Amino acid sequence: MYEYSGGKPRFLERRTVEISEPGKHQWMKALDAIRDCDVVIAVQAGLRGKVGIEDASIKFVADEGPVEEVLERWIRHTEFMKSV
């Protein structure tokens, strides 16, 4: 988890979610762990998970790469969009 303020991201904590291996449709466990977030950046989310994220008023951003690079791209894009 990162916080973004003052133009820089700051690492807050790492959160984990217990997922049982054979179980399907466990996206609610992950959603419960991120309910206090404004934005989620991930490589992918299943259809139900993506809908759940959006229903929780959390912005979903699909991207991949090292965390620092992904955050930097998102910050640049967000700052650019604010200036337009």
PDB file of N, CA and C in Angstrom:
ATOM      1  N   MET A   1       0.845  -1.151   0.000  1.00  0.00           N
ATOM      2  CA  MET A   1       0.000   0.000   0.000  1.00  0.00           C
ATOM      3  C   MET A   1       0.899   1.225   0.000  1.00  0.00           C
ATOM      4  N   TYR A   2       0.535   2.158  -0.851  1.00  0.00           N
ATOM      5  CA  TYR A   2       1.266   3.410  -0.950  1.00  0.00           C
ATOM      6  C   TYR A   2       0.310   4.568  -0.737  1.00  0.00           C
ATOM      7  N   GLU A   3       0.860   5.653  -0.250  1.00  0.00           N
ATOM      8  CA  GLU A   3       0.122   6.898  -0.138  1.00  0.00           C
ATOM      9  C   GLU A   3       0.787   7.880  -1.088  1.00  0.00           C
ATOM     10  N   TYR A   4      -0.017   8.658  -1.783  1.00  0.00           N
ATOM     11  CA  TYR A   4       0.532   9.643  -2.703  1.00  0.00           C
ATOM     12  C   TYR A   4       0.132  11.025  -2.231  1.00  0.00           C
ATOM     13  N   SER A   5       1.133  11.818  -1.862  1.00  0.00           N
ATOM     14  CA  SER A   5       0.896  13.213  -1.496  1.00  0.00           C
ATOM     15  C   SER A   5       2.203  13.969  -1.652  1.00  0.00           C
ATOM     16  N   GLY A   6       2.077  15.225  -1.922  1.00  0.00           N
ATOM     17  CA  GLY A   6       3.275  16.044  -2.084  1.00  0.00           C
ATOM     18  C   GLY A   6       4.108  15.660  -3.286  1.00  0.00           C
ATOM     19  N   GLY A   7       3.479  15.033  -4.269  1.00  0.00           N
ATOM     20  CA  GLY A   7       4.184  14.684  -5.489  1.00  0.00           C
ATOM     21  C   GLY A   7       5.002  13.405  -5.436  1.00  0.00           C
ATOM     22  N   LYS A   8       4.938  12.686  -4.319  1.00  0.00           N
ATOM     23  CA  LYS A   8       5.737  11.467  -4.195  1.00  0.00           C
ATOM     24  C   LYS A   8       4.924  10.353  -3.540  1.00  0.00           C
ATOM     25  N   PRO A   9       5.154   9.116  -4.000  1.00  0.00           N
ATOM     26  CA  PRO A   9       4.510   7.989  -3.319  1.00  0.00           C
ATOM     27  C   PRO A   9       5.325   7.602  -2.084  1.00  0.00           C
ATOM     28  N   ARG A  10       4.618   7.146  -1.063  1.00  0.00           N
ATOM     29  CA  ARG A  10       5.284   6.712   0.165  1.00  0.00           C
ATOM     30  C   ARG A  10       4.714   5.345   0.543  1.00  0.00           C
ATOM     31  N   PHE A  11       5.604   4.368   0.722  1.00  0.00           N
ATOM     32  CA  PHE A  11       5.185   3.022   1.102  1.00  0.00           C
ATOM     33  C   PHE A  11       4.602   3.063   2.509  1.00  0.00           C
ATOM     34  N   LEU A  12       3.416   2.459   2.674  1.00  0.00           N
ATOM     35  CA  LEU A  12       2.771   2.396   3.979  1.00  0.00           C
ATOM     36  C   LEU A  12       2.858   1.009   4.591  1.00  0.00           C
ATOM     37  N   GLU A  13       2.397   0.003   3.825  1.00  0.00           N
ATOM     38  CA  GLU A  13       2.368  -1.349   4.365  1.00  0.00           C
ATOM     39  C   GLU A  13       2.131  -2.355   3.255  1.00  0.00           C
ATOM     40  N   ARG A  14       2.405  -3.596   3.583  1.00  0.00           N
ATOM     41  CA  ARG A  14       2.098  -4.707   2.689  1.00  0.00           C
ATOM     42  C   ARG A  14       0.915  -5.455   3.291  1.00  0.00           C
ATOM     43  N   ARG A  15      -0.097  -5.711   2.476  1.00  0.00           N
ATOM     44  CA  ARG A  15      -1.265  -6.453   2.941  1.00  0.00           C
ATOM     45  C   ARG A  15      -1.321  -7.785   2.212  1.00  0.00           C
ATOM     46  N   THR A  16      -1.700  -8.815   2.946  1.00  0.00           N
ATOM     47  CA  THR A  16      -1.853 -10.130   2.339  1.00  0.00           C
ATOM     48  C   THR A  16      -3.274 -10.621   2.576  1.00  0.00           C
ATOM     49  N   VAL A  17      -3.709 -11.505   1.699  1.00  0.00           N
ATOM     50  CA  VAL A  17      -5.048 -12.076   1.783  1.00  0.00           C
ATOM     51  C   VAL A  17      -4.910 -13.587   1.687  1.00  0.00           C
ATOM     52  N   GLU A  18      -5.523 -14.294   2.607  1.00  0.00           N
ATOM     53  CA  GLU A  18      -5.495 -15.753   2.589  1.00  0.00           C
ATOM     54  C   GLU A  18      -6.510 -16.263   1.571  1.00  0.00           C
ATOM     55  N   ILE A  19      -6.013 -16.929   0.548  1.00  0.00           N
ATOM     56  CA  ILE A  19      -6.856 -17.497  -0.504  1.00  0.00           C
ATOM     57  C   ILE A  19      -6.682 -19.012  -0.451  1.00  0.00           C
ATOM     58  N   SER A  20      -7.786 -19.749  -0.358  1.00  0.00           N
ATOM     59  CA  SER A  20      -7.679 -21.206  -0.354  1.00  0.00           C
ATOM     60  C   SER A  20      -7.512 -21.691  -1.791  1.00  0.00           C
ATOM     61  N   GLU A  21      -6.552 -22.536  -1.989  1.00  0.00           N
ATOM     62  CA  GLU A  21      -6.125 -22.958  -3.327  1.00  0.00           C
ATOM     63  C   GLU A  21      -7.246 -23.457  -4.234  1.00  0.00           C
ATOM     64  N   PRO A  22      -8.061 -24.419  -3.833  1.00  0.00           N
ATOM     65  CA  PRO A  22      -9.061 -24.904  -4.784  1.00  0.00           C
ATOM     66  C   PRO A  22     -10.286 -24.000  -4.908  1.00  0.00           C
ATOM     67  N   GLY A  23     -10.427 -23.047  -4.000  1.00  0.00           N
ATOM     68  CA  GLY A  23     -11.618 -22.206  -3.994  1.00  0.00           C
ATOM     69  C   GLY A  23     -11.668 -21.227  -5.150  1.00  0.00           C
ATOM     70  N   LYS A  24     -12.855 -21.003  -5.658  1.00  0.00           N
ATOM     71  CA  LYS A  24     -13.057 -20.014  -6.712  1.00  0.00           C
ATOM     72  C   LYS A  24     -13.826 -18.835  -6.143  1.00  0.00           C
ATOM     73  N   HIS A  25     -13.791 -17.751  -6.862  1.00  0.00           N
ATOM     74  CA  HIS A  25     -14.592 -16.575  -6.522  1.00  0.00           C
ATOM     75  C   HIS A  25     -14.300 -16.063  -5.117  1.00  0.00           C
ATOM     76  N   GLN A  26     -13.031 -15.869  -4.826  1.00  0.00           N
ATOM     77  CA  GLN A  26     -12.635 -15.370  -3.517  1.00  0.00           C
ATOM     78  C   GLN A  26     -12.266 -13.888  -3.565  1.00  0.00           C
ATOM     79  N   TRP A  27     -12.728 -13.203  -4.598  1.00  0.00           N
ATOM     80  CA  TRP A  27     -12.352 -11.809  -4.800  1.00  0.00           C
ATOM     81  C   TRP A  27     -12.829 -10.904  -3.666  1.00  0.00           C
ATOM     82  N   MET A  28     -13.896 -11.289  -2.955  1.00  0.00           N
ATOM     83  CA  MET A  28     -14.393 -10.457  -1.847  1.00  0.00           C
ATOM     84  C   MET A  28     -13.355 -10.326  -0.729  1.00  0.00           C
ATOM     85  N   LYS A  29     -12.536 -11.359  -0.535  1.00  0.00           N
ATOM     86  CA  LYS A  29     -11.489 -11.279   0.480  1.00  0.00           C
ATOM     87  C   LYS A  29     -10.496 -10.173   0.120  1.00  0.00           C
ATOM     88  N   ALA A  30     -10.106 -10.134  -1.140  1.00  0.00           N
ATOM     89  CA  ALA A  30      -9.183  -9.091  -1.585  1.00  0.00           C
ATOM     90  C   ALA A  30      -9.848  -7.721  -1.524  1.00  0.00           C
ATOM     91  N   LEU A  31     -11.106  -7.653  -1.924  1.00  0.00           N
ATOM     92  CA  LEU A  31     -11.819  -6.379  -1.887  1.00  0.00           C
ATOM     93  C   LEU A  31     -11.902  -5.846  -0.462  1.00  0.00           C
ATOM     94  N   ASP A  32     -12.159  -6.702   0.496  1.00  0.00           N
ATOM     95  CA  ASP A  32     -12.207  -6.264   1.894  1.00  0.00           C
ATOM     96  C   ASP A  32     -10.880  -5.661   2.336  1.00  0.00           C
ATOM     97  N   ALA A  33      -9.769  -6.175   1.808  1.00  0.00           N
ATOM     98  CA  ALA A  33      -8.441  -5.686   2.187  1.00  0.00           C
ATOM     99  C   ALA A  33      -8.104  -4.334   1.577  1.00  0.00           C
ATOM    100  N   ILE A  34      -8.844  -3.912   0.538  1.00  0.00           N
ATOM    101  CA  ILE A  34      -8.513  -2.653  -0.148  1.00  0.00           C
ATOM    102  C   ILE A  34      -9.630  -1.617  -0.080  1.00  0.00           C
ATOM    103  N   ARG A  35     -10.642  -1.865   0.705  1.00  0.00           N
ATOM    104  CA  ARG A  35     -11.798  -0.945   0.754  1.00  0.00           C
ATOM    105  C   ARG A  35     -11.430   0.488   1.126  1.00  0.00           C
ATOM    106  N   ASP A  36     -10.330   0.692   1.823  1.00  0.00           N
ATOM    107  CA  ASP A  36      -9.925   2.040   2.210  1.00  0.00           C
ATOM    108  C   ASP A  36      -9.026   2.713   1.173  1.00  0.00           C
ATOM    109  N   CYS A  37      -8.872   2.097   0.011  1.00  0.00           N
ATOM    110  CA  CYS A  37      -8.027   2.650  -1.048  1.00  0.00           C
ATOM    111  C   CYS A  37      -8.849   3.471  -2.043  1.00  0.00           C
ATOM    112  N   ASP A  38      -8.200   4.422  -2.676  1.00  0.00           N
ATOM    113  CA  ASP A  38      -8.828   5.215  -3.733  1.00  0.00           C
ATOM    114  C   ASP A  38      -8.566   4.611  -5.098  1.00  0.00           C
ATOM    115  N   VAL A  39      -7.376   4.011  -5.263  1.00  0.00           N
ATOM    116  CA  VAL A  39      -6.944   3.468  -6.550  1.00  0.00           C
ATOM    117  C   VAL A  39      -6.283   2.118  -6.305  1.00  0.00           C
ATOM    118  N   VAL A  40      -6.551   1.172  -7.214  1.00  0.00           N
ATOM    119  CA  VAL A  40      -5.873  -0.115  -7.196  1.00  0.00           C
ATOM    120  C   VAL A  40      -5.176  -0.269  -8.537  1.00  0.00           C
ATOM    121  N   ILE A  41      -3.882  -0.552  -8.502  1.00  0.00           N
ATOM    122  CA  ILE A  41      -3.116  -0.796  -9.719  1.00  0.00           C
ATOM    123  C   ILE A  41      -2.715  -2.262  -9.685  1.00  0.00           C
ATOM    124  N   ALA A  42      -3.117  -3.005 -10.709  1.00  0.00           N
ATOM    125  CA  ALA A  42      -2.825  -4.436 -10.763  1.00  0.00           C
ATOM    126  C   ALA A  42      -2.676  -4.867 -12.214  1.00  0.00           C
ATOM    127  N   VAL A  43      -2.050  -6.004 -12.421  1.00  0.00           N
ATOM    128  CA  VAL A  43      -1.900  -6.547 -13.767  1.00  0.00           C
ATOM    129  C   VAL A  43      -3.270  -6.882 -14.339  1.00  0.00           C
ATOM    130  N   GLN A  44      -4.119  -7.491 -13.515  1.00  0.00           N
ATOM    131  CA  GLN A  44      -5.459  -7.851 -13.981  1.00  0.00           C
ATOM    132  C   GLN A  44      -6.376  -8.075 -12.791  1.00  0.00           C
ATOM    133  N   ALA A  45      -7.656  -8.124 -13.086  1.00  0.00           N
ATOM    134  CA  ALA A  45      -8.662  -8.487 -12.093  1.00  0.00           C
ATOM    135  C   ALA A  45      -9.739  -9.251 -12.843  1.00  0.00           C
ATOM    136  N   GLY A  46     -10.286 -10.244 -12.224  1.00  0.00           N
ATOM    137  CA  GLY A  46     -11.375 -10.981 -12.858  1.00  0.00           C
ATOM    138  C   GLY A  46     -12.583 -10.074 -13.055  1.00  0.00           C
ATOM    139  N   LEU A  47     -13.499 -10.530 -13.864  1.00  0.00           N
ATOM    140  CA  LEU A  47     -14.675  -9.720 -14.171  1.00  0.00           C
ATOM    141  C   LEU A  47     -15.442  -9.331 -12.909  1.00  0.00           C
ATOM    142  N   ARG A  48     -15.755 -10.291 -12.047  1.00  0.00           N
ATOM    143  CA  ARG A  48     -16.491  -9.980 -10.810  1.00  0.00           C
ATOM    144  C   ARG A  48     -15.658  -9.092  -9.896  1.00  0.00           C
ATOM    145  N   GLY A  49     -14.375  -9.352  -9.820  1.00  0.00           N
ATOM    146  CA  GLY A  49     -13.502  -8.525  -8.991  1.00  0.00           C
ATOM    147  C   GLY A  49     -13.466  -7.088  -9.477  1.00  0.00           C
ATOM    148  N   LYS A  50     -13.370  -6.915 -10.782  1.00  0.00           N
ATOM    149  CA  LYS A  50     -13.325  -5.572 -11.363  1.00  0.00           C
ATOM    150  C   LYS A  50     -14.632  -4.825 -11.095  1.00  0.00           C
ATOM    151  N   VAL A  51     -15.755  -5.516 -11.266  1.00  0.00           N
ATOM    152  CA  VAL A  51     -17.053  -4.901 -10.979  1.00  0.00           C
ATOM    153  C   VAL A  51     -17.144  -4.554  -9.494  1.00  0.00           C
ATOM    154  N   GLY A  52     -16.678  -5.445  -8.623  1.00  0.00           N
ATOM    155  CA  GLY A  52     -16.694  -5.189  -7.186  1.00  0.00           C
ATOM    156  C   GLY A  52     -15.853  -3.983  -6.812  1.00  0.00           C
ATOM    157  N   ILE A  53     -14.699  -3.860  -7.431  1.00  0.00           N
ATOM    158  CA  ILE A  53     -13.814  -2.715  -7.183  1.00  0.00           C
ATOM    159  C   ILE A  53     -14.525  -1.427  -7.588  1.00  0.00           C
ATOM    160  N   GLU A  54     -15.106  -1.421  -8.776  1.00  0.00           N
ATOM    161  CA  GLU A  54     -15.808  -0.232  -9.250  1.00  0.00           C
ATOM    162  C   GLU A  54     -17.029   0.078  -8.388  1.00  0.00           C
ATOM    163  N   ASP A  55     -17.774  -0.948  -7.971  1.00  0.00           N
ATOM    164  CA  ASP A  55     -18.934  -0.740  -7.105  1.00  0.00           C
ATOM    165  C   ASP A  55     -18.531  -0.157  -5.753  1.00  0.00           C
ATOM    166  N   ALA A  56     -17.312  -0.434  -5.320  1.00  0.00           N
ATOM    167  CA  ALA A  56     -16.799   0.103  -4.058  1.00  0.00           C
ATOM    168  C   ALA A  56     -16.219   1.509  -4.246  1.00  0.00           C
ATOM    169  N   SER A  57     -16.396   2.080  -5.442  1.00  0.00           N
ATOM    170  CA  SER A  57     -15.901   3.424  -5.775  1.00  0.00           C
ATOM    171  C   SER A  57     -14.380   3.518  -5.702  1.00  0.00           C
ATOM    172  N   ILE A  58     -13.722   2.433  -6.078  1.00  0.00           N
ATOM    173  CA  ILE A  58     -12.265   2.398  -6.155  1.00  0.00           C
ATOM    174  C   ILE A  58     -11.896   2.371  -7.630  1.00  0.00           C
ATOM    175  N   LYS A  59     -10.954   3.219  -8.020  1.00  0.00           N
ATOM    176  CA  LYS A  59     -10.513   3.250  -9.418  1.00  0.00           C
ATOM    177  C   LYS A  59      -9.567   2.077  -9.666  1.00  0.00           C
ATOM    178  N   PHE A  60      -9.805   1.326 -10.740  1.00  0.00           N
ATOM    179  CA  PHE A  60      -8.936   0.213 -11.109  1.00  0.00           C
ATOM    180  C   PHE A  60      -8.070   0.616 -12.293  1.00  0.00           C
ATOM    181  N   VAL A  61      -6.769   0.426 -12.166  1.00  0.00           N
ATOM    182  CA  VAL A  61      -5.819   0.727 -13.227  1.00  0.00           C
ATOM    183  C   VAL A  61      -5.053  -0.552 -13.532  1.00  0.00           C
ATOM    184  N   ALA A  62      -5.093  -0.994 -14.794  1.00  0.00           N
ATOM    185  CA  ALA A  62      -4.357  -2.189 -15.220  1.00  0.00           C
ATOM    186  C   ALA A  62      -2.995  -1.757 -15.750  1.00  0.00           C
ATOM    187  N   ASP A  63      -1.935  -2.294 -15.160  1.00  0.00           N
ATOM    188  CA  ASP A  63      -0.578  -1.993 -15.607  1.00  0.00           C
ATOM    189  C   ASP A  63       0.323  -3.095 -15.071  1.00  0.00           C
ATOM    190  N   GLU A  64       1.506  -3.198 -15.627  1.00  0.00           N
ATOM    191  CA  GLU A  64       2.443  -4.203 -15.138  1.00  0.00           C
ATOM    192  C   GLU A  64       3.854  -3.678 -15.191  1.00  0.00           C
ATOM    193  N   GLY A  65       4.694  -4.240 -14.357  1.00  0.00           N
ATOM    194  CA  GLY A  65       6.088  -3.847 -14.276  1.00  0.00           C
ATOM    195  C   GLY A  65       6.485  -3.681 -12.822  1.00  0.00           C
ATOM    196  N   PRO A  66       7.726  -3.260 -12.595  1.00  0.00           N
ATOM    197  CA  PRO A  66       8.172  -3.008 -11.219  1.00  0.00           C
ATOM    198  C   PRO A  66       7.297  -1.939 -10.563  1.00  0.00           C
ATOM    199  N   VAL A  67       7.015  -2.110  -9.286  1.00  0.00           N
ATOM    200  CA  VAL A  67       6.087  -1.229  -8.577  1.00  0.00           C
ATOM    201  C   VAL A  67       6.469   0.243  -8.743  1.00  0.00           C
ATOM    202  N   GLU A  68       7.728   0.569  -8.567  1.00  0.00           N
ATOM    203  CA  GLU A  68       8.153   1.962  -8.645  1.00  0.00           C
ATOM    204  C   GLU A  68       7.882   2.553 -10.029  1.00  0.00           C
ATOM    205  N   GLU A  69       8.122   1.773 -11.082  1.00  0.00           N
ATOM    206  CA  GLU A  69       7.870   2.258 -12.442  1.00  0.00           C
ATOM    207  C   GLU A  69       6.380   2.436 -12.707  1.00  0.00           C
ATOM    208  N   VAL A  70       5.584   1.501 -12.247  1.00  0.00           N
ATOM    209  CA  VAL A  70       4.133   1.587 -12.433  1.00  0.00           C
ATOM    210  C   VAL A  70       3.590   2.810 -11.701  1.00  0.00           C
ATOM    211  N   LEU A  71       4.029   3.021 -10.463  1.00  0.00           N
ATOM    212  CA  LEU A  71       3.585   4.196  -9.718  1.00  0.00           C
ATOM    213  C   LEU A  71       3.985   5.480 -10.415  1.00  0.00           C
ATOM    214  N   GLU A  72       5.203   5.527 -10.915  1.00  0.00           N
ATOM    215  CA  GLU A  72       5.686   6.729 -11.614  1.00  0.00           C
ATOM    216  C   GLU A  72       4.841   7.011 -12.853  1.00  0.00           C
ATOM    217  N   ARG A  73       4.515   5.982 -13.622  1.00  0.00           N
ATOM    218  CA  ARG A  73       3.660   6.182 -14.803  1.00  0.00           C
ATOM    219  C   ARG A  73       2.291   6.704 -14.406  1.00  0.00           C
ATOM    220  N   TRP A  74       1.714   6.119 -13.368  1.00  0.00           N
ATOM    221  CA  TRP A  74       0.388   6.542 -12.926  1.00  0.00           C
ATOM    222  C   TRP A  74       0.413   7.988 -12.429  1.00  0.00           C
ATOM    223  N   ILE A  75       1.446   8.337 -11.674  1.00  0.00           N
ATOM    224  CA  ILE A  75       1.569   9.707 -11.164  1.00  0.00           C
ATOM    225  C   ILE A  75       1.710  10.687 -12.321  1.00  0.00           C
ATOM    226  N   ARG A  76       2.577  10.387 -13.270  1.00  0.00           N
ATOM    227  CA  ARG A  76       2.747  11.281 -14.433  1.00  0.00           C
ATOM    228  C   ARG A  76       1.435  11.449 -15.182  1.00  0.00           C
ATOM    229  N   HIS A  77       0.738  10.342 -15.403  1.00  0.00           N
ATOM    230  CA  HIS A  77      -0.541  10.410 -16.120  1.00  0.00           C
ATOM    231  C   HIS A  77      -1.562  11.233 -15.337  1.00  0.00           C
ATOM    232  N   THR A  78      -1.669  10.986 -14.040  1.00  0.00           N
ATOM    233  CA  THR A  78      -2.630  11.704 -13.202  1.00  0.00           C
ATOM    234  C   THR A  78      -2.323  13.203 -13.188  1.00  0.00           C
ATOM    235  N   GLU A  79      -1.065  13.556 -13.017  1.00  0.00           N
ATOM    236  CA  GLU A  79      -0.684  14.966 -13.007  1.00  0.00           C
ATOM    237  C   GLU A  79      -0.946  15.617 -14.375  1.00  0.00           C
ATOM    238  N   PHE A  80      -0.666  14.903 -15.450  1.00  0.00           N
ATOM    239  CA  PHE A  80      -0.944  15.425 -16.789  1.00  0.00           C
ATOM    240  C   PHE A  80      -2.437  15.688 -16.972  1.00  0.00           C
ATOM    241  N   MET A  81      -3.265  14.715 -16.564  1.00  0.00           N
ATOM    242  CA  MET A  81      -4.703  14.864 -16.729  1.00  0.00           C
ATOM    243  C   MET A  81      -5.261  16.032 -15.908  1.00  0.00           C
ATOM    244  N   LYS A  82      -4.667  16.301 -14.763  1.00  0.00           N
ATOM    245  CA  LYS A  82      -5.095  17.446 -13.953  1.00  0.00           C
ATOM    246  C   LYS A  82      -4.770  18.767 -14.639  1.00  0.00           C
ATOM    247  N   SER A  83      -3.697  18.776 -15.446  1.00  0.00           N
ATOM    248  CA  SER A  83      -3.265  20.014 -16.093  1.00  0.00           C
ATOM    249  C   SER A  83      -4.002  20.291 -17.404  1.00  0.00           C
ATOM    250  N   VAL A  84      -4.733  19.320 -17.905  1.00  0.00           N
ATOM    251  CA  VAL A  84      -5.433  19.502 -19.188  1.00  0.00           C
ATOM    252  C   VAL A  84      -6.742  20.210 -18.990  1.00  0.00           C
TER     253      VAL A  84
END
